[in-house]
Amino acid sequence: MDPNECWRRFEEAARAALAGIGSVPRAYLAAVRRRFGDEIAARQEKELRAYIAHLREKGK
């Protein structure tokens, strides 16, 4: 995956979580875990949660 593709998938997962579609973020994190390992997936999960919180704040 190139960086633009990674960012697009990350953003899709965050927006899906905001919309209440929980399986998309889990699928994204599972794909990251398979491709890059547990450490990167854990970091992505933290960043994803922070980005979701940011989008929620921005939407208020």
N, C-alpha and C. Protein backbone atom coordinates (compact mmCIF):
# COMPACT_ATOMS: atom_id res chain seq x y z
N MET A 1 0.84 -1.18 0.00
CA MET A 1 0.00 0.00 0.00
C MET A 1 0.89 1.24 0.00
N ASP A 2 0.57 2.16 -0.88
CA ASP A 2 1.31 3.41 -0.86
C ASP A 2 0.73 4.33 0.23
N PRO A 3 1.45 5.38 0.60
CA PRO A 3 0.99 6.25 1.69
C PRO A 3 -0.40 6.87 1.44
N ASN A 4 -0.69 7.24 0.21
CA ASN A 4 -2.01 7.82 -0.09
C ASN A 4 -3.12 6.81 0.13
N GLU A 5 -2.89 5.58 -0.27
CA GLU A 5 -3.87 4.51 -0.07
C GLU A 5 -4.06 4.23 1.42
N CYS A 6 -2.97 4.21 2.16
CA CYS A 6 -3.06 4.01 3.62
C CYS A 6 -3.90 5.11 4.26
N TRP A 7 -3.64 6.36 3.89
CA TRP A 7 -4.38 7.47 4.48
C TRP A 7 -5.86 7.38 4.10
N ARG A 8 -6.16 7.05 2.85
CA ARG A 8 -7.55 6.95 2.40
C ARG A 8 -8.29 5.90 3.22
N ARG A 9 -7.67 4.74 3.41
CA ARG A 9 -8.31 3.68 4.20
C ARG A 9 -8.46 4.07 5.66
N PHE A 10 -7.46 4.76 6.20
CA PHE A 10 -7.51 5.24 7.58
C PHE A 10 -8.70 6.20 7.75
N GLU A 11 -8.81 7.14 6.81
CA GLU A 11 -9.88 8.13 6.89
C GLU A 11 -11.25 7.47 6.71
N GLU A 12 -11.37 6.51 5.81
CA GLU A 12 -12.63 5.78 5.63
C GLU A 12 -13.03 5.06 6.92
N ALA A 13 -12.06 4.45 7.56
CA ALA A 13 -12.34 3.73 8.81
C ALA A 13 -12.83 4.68 9.89
N ALA A 14 -12.20 5.84 9.98
CA ALA A 14 -12.60 6.83 10.99
C ALA A 14 -14.01 7.33 10.73
N ARG A 15 -14.30 7.65 9.49
CA ARG A 15 -15.63 8.17 9.15
C ARG A 15 -16.70 7.09 9.33
N ALA A 16 -16.36 5.84 9.04
CA ALA A 16 -17.30 4.74 9.25
C ALA A 16 -17.59 4.57 10.73
N ALA A 17 -16.58 4.73 11.56
CA ALA A 17 -16.78 4.62 13.01
C ALA A 17 -17.72 5.72 13.50
N LEU A 18 -17.55 6.92 12.96
CA LEU A 18 -18.44 8.02 13.32
C LEU A 18 -19.88 7.73 12.90
N ALA A 19 -20.03 7.05 11.78
CA ALA A 19 -21.36 6.73 11.26
C ALA A 19 -21.97 5.53 11.97
N GLY A 20 -21.20 4.91 12.86
CA GLY A 20 -21.72 3.76 13.60
C GLY A 20 -21.52 2.43 12.91
N ILE A 21 -20.65 2.41 11.91
CA ILE A 21 -20.36 1.16 11.20
C ILE A 21 -19.06 0.60 11.79
N GLY A 22 -19.18 -0.15 12.86
CA GLY A 22 -18.01 -0.60 13.61
C GLY A 22 -17.12 -1.59 12.92
N SER A 23 -17.65 -2.36 11.98
CA SER A 23 -16.83 -3.41 11.38
C SER A 23 -15.76 -2.86 10.44
N VAL A 24 -15.99 -1.68 9.87
CA VAL A 24 -15.00 -1.13 8.95
C VAL A 24 -13.69 -0.81 9.65
N PRO A 25 -13.71 -0.11 10.82
CA PRO A 25 -12.44 0.12 11.52
C PRO A 25 -11.77 -1.19 11.94
N ARG A 26 -12.55 -2.18 12.37
CA ARG A 26 -11.95 -3.46 12.74
C ARG A 26 -11.31 -4.14 11.54
N ALA A 27 -11.98 -4.06 10.39
CA ALA A 27 -11.43 -4.67 9.17
C ALA A 27 -10.14 -3.95 8.76
N TYR A 28 -10.14 -2.62 8.87
CA TYR A 28 -8.95 -1.85 8.54
C TYR A 28 -7.79 -2.25 9.45
N LEU A 29 -8.05 -2.30 10.76
CA LEU A 29 -7.00 -2.65 11.71
C LEU A 29 -6.52 -4.08 11.52
N ALA A 30 -7.42 -4.98 11.16
CA ALA A 30 -7.01 -6.37 10.89
C ALA A 30 -6.10 -6.43 9.67
N ALA A 31 -6.42 -5.64 8.65
CA ALA A 31 -5.57 -5.60 7.45
C ALA A 31 -4.19 -5.04 7.78
N VAL A 32 -4.15 -3.99 8.60
CA VAL A 32 -2.87 -3.41 9.02
C VAL A 32 -2.07 -4.45 9.82
N ARG A 33 -2.75 -5.15 10.72
CA ARG A 33 -2.08 -6.16 11.55
C ARG A 33 -1.48 -7.27 10.68
N ARG A 34 -2.26 -7.74 9.70
CA ARG A 34 -1.75 -8.80 8.81
C ARG A 34 -0.54 -8.33 8.01
N ARG A 35 -0.61 -7.09 7.53
CA ARG A 35 0.44 -6.60 6.64
C ARG A 35 1.68 -6.11 7.39
N PHE A 36 1.47 -5.43 8.53
CA PHE A 36 2.59 -4.76 9.19
C PHE A 36 2.89 -5.24 10.60
N GLY A 37 2.02 -6.05 11.19
CA GLY A 37 2.28 -6.59 12.52
C GLY A 37 1.51 -5.88 13.62
N ASP A 38 1.59 -6.48 14.81
CA ASP A 38 0.82 -6.01 15.96
C ASP A 38 1.21 -4.61 16.43
N GLU A 39 2.50 -4.32 16.44
CA GLU A 39 2.96 -3.03 16.95
C GLU A 39 2.41 -1.87 16.11
N ILE A 40 2.50 -2.00 14.81
CA ILE A 40 1.99 -0.95 13.91
C ILE A 40 0.47 -0.86 14.03
N ALA A 41 -0.20 -2.00 14.12
CA ALA A 41 -1.67 -2.00 14.25
C ALA A 41 -2.10 -1.32 15.54
N ALA A 42 -1.38 -1.55 16.63
CA ALA A 42 -1.71 -0.91 17.90
C ALA A 42 -1.53 0.61 17.79
N ARG A 43 -0.48 1.03 17.13
CA ARG A 43 -0.24 2.46 16.93
C ARG A 43 -1.34 3.07 16.06
N GLN A 44 -1.72 2.34 15.01
CA GLN A 44 -2.79 2.83 14.14
C GLN A 44 -4.12 2.92 14.88
N GLU A 45 -4.37 1.97 15.77
CA GLU A 45 -5.62 2.01 16.54
C GLU A 45 -5.66 3.26 17.42
N LYS A 46 -4.55 3.59 18.07
CA LYS A 46 -4.48 4.80 18.90
C LYS A 46 -4.71 6.04 18.05
N GLU A 47 -4.04 6.08 16.89
CA GLU A 47 -4.18 7.23 16.00
C GLU A 47 -5.59 7.33 15.45
N LEU A 48 -6.19 6.18 15.15
CA LEU A 48 -7.55 6.16 14.64
C LEU A 48 -8.53 6.69 15.68
N ARG A 49 -8.36 6.26 16.93
CA ARG A 49 -9.23 6.76 18.01
C ARG A 49 -9.08 8.27 18.18
N ALA A 50 -7.85 8.76 18.11
CA ALA A 50 -7.60 10.19 18.25
C ALA A 50 -8.22 10.96 17.08
N TYR A 51 -8.10 10.42 15.89
CA TYR A 51 -8.67 11.08 14.71
C TYR A 51 -10.20 11.09 14.77
N ILE A 52 -10.79 10.00 15.24
CA ILE A 52 -12.25 9.95 15.39
C ILE A 52 -12.70 11.01 16.40
N ALA A 53 -11.98 11.13 17.50
CA ALA A 53 -12.30 12.15 18.50
C ALA A 53 -12.19 13.55 17.89
N HIS A 54 -11.16 13.76 17.08
CA HIS A 54 -10.97 15.04 16.40
C HIS A 54 -12.15 15.33 15.47
N LEU A 55 -12.58 14.34 14.70
CA LEU A 55 -13.70 14.54 13.79
C LEU A 55 -14.99 14.82 14.56
N ARG A 56 -15.16 14.17 15.69
CA ARG A 56 -16.35 14.43 16.52
C ARG A 56 -16.35 15.87 17.01
N GLU A 57 -15.20 16.33 17.50
CA GLU A 57 -15.09 17.71 17.99
C GLU A 57 -15.35 18.70 16.85
N LYS A 58 -14.77 18.41 15.70
CA LYS A 58 -14.91 19.28 14.54
C LYS A 58 -16.37 19.37 14.09
N GLY A 59 -17.11 18.27 14.26
CA GLY A 59 -18.49 18.22 13.84
C GLY A 59 -19.46 18.95 14.75
N LYS A 60 -19.00 19.31 15.94
CA LYS A 60 -19.89 19.98 16.91
C LYS A 60 -20.12 21.42 16.54
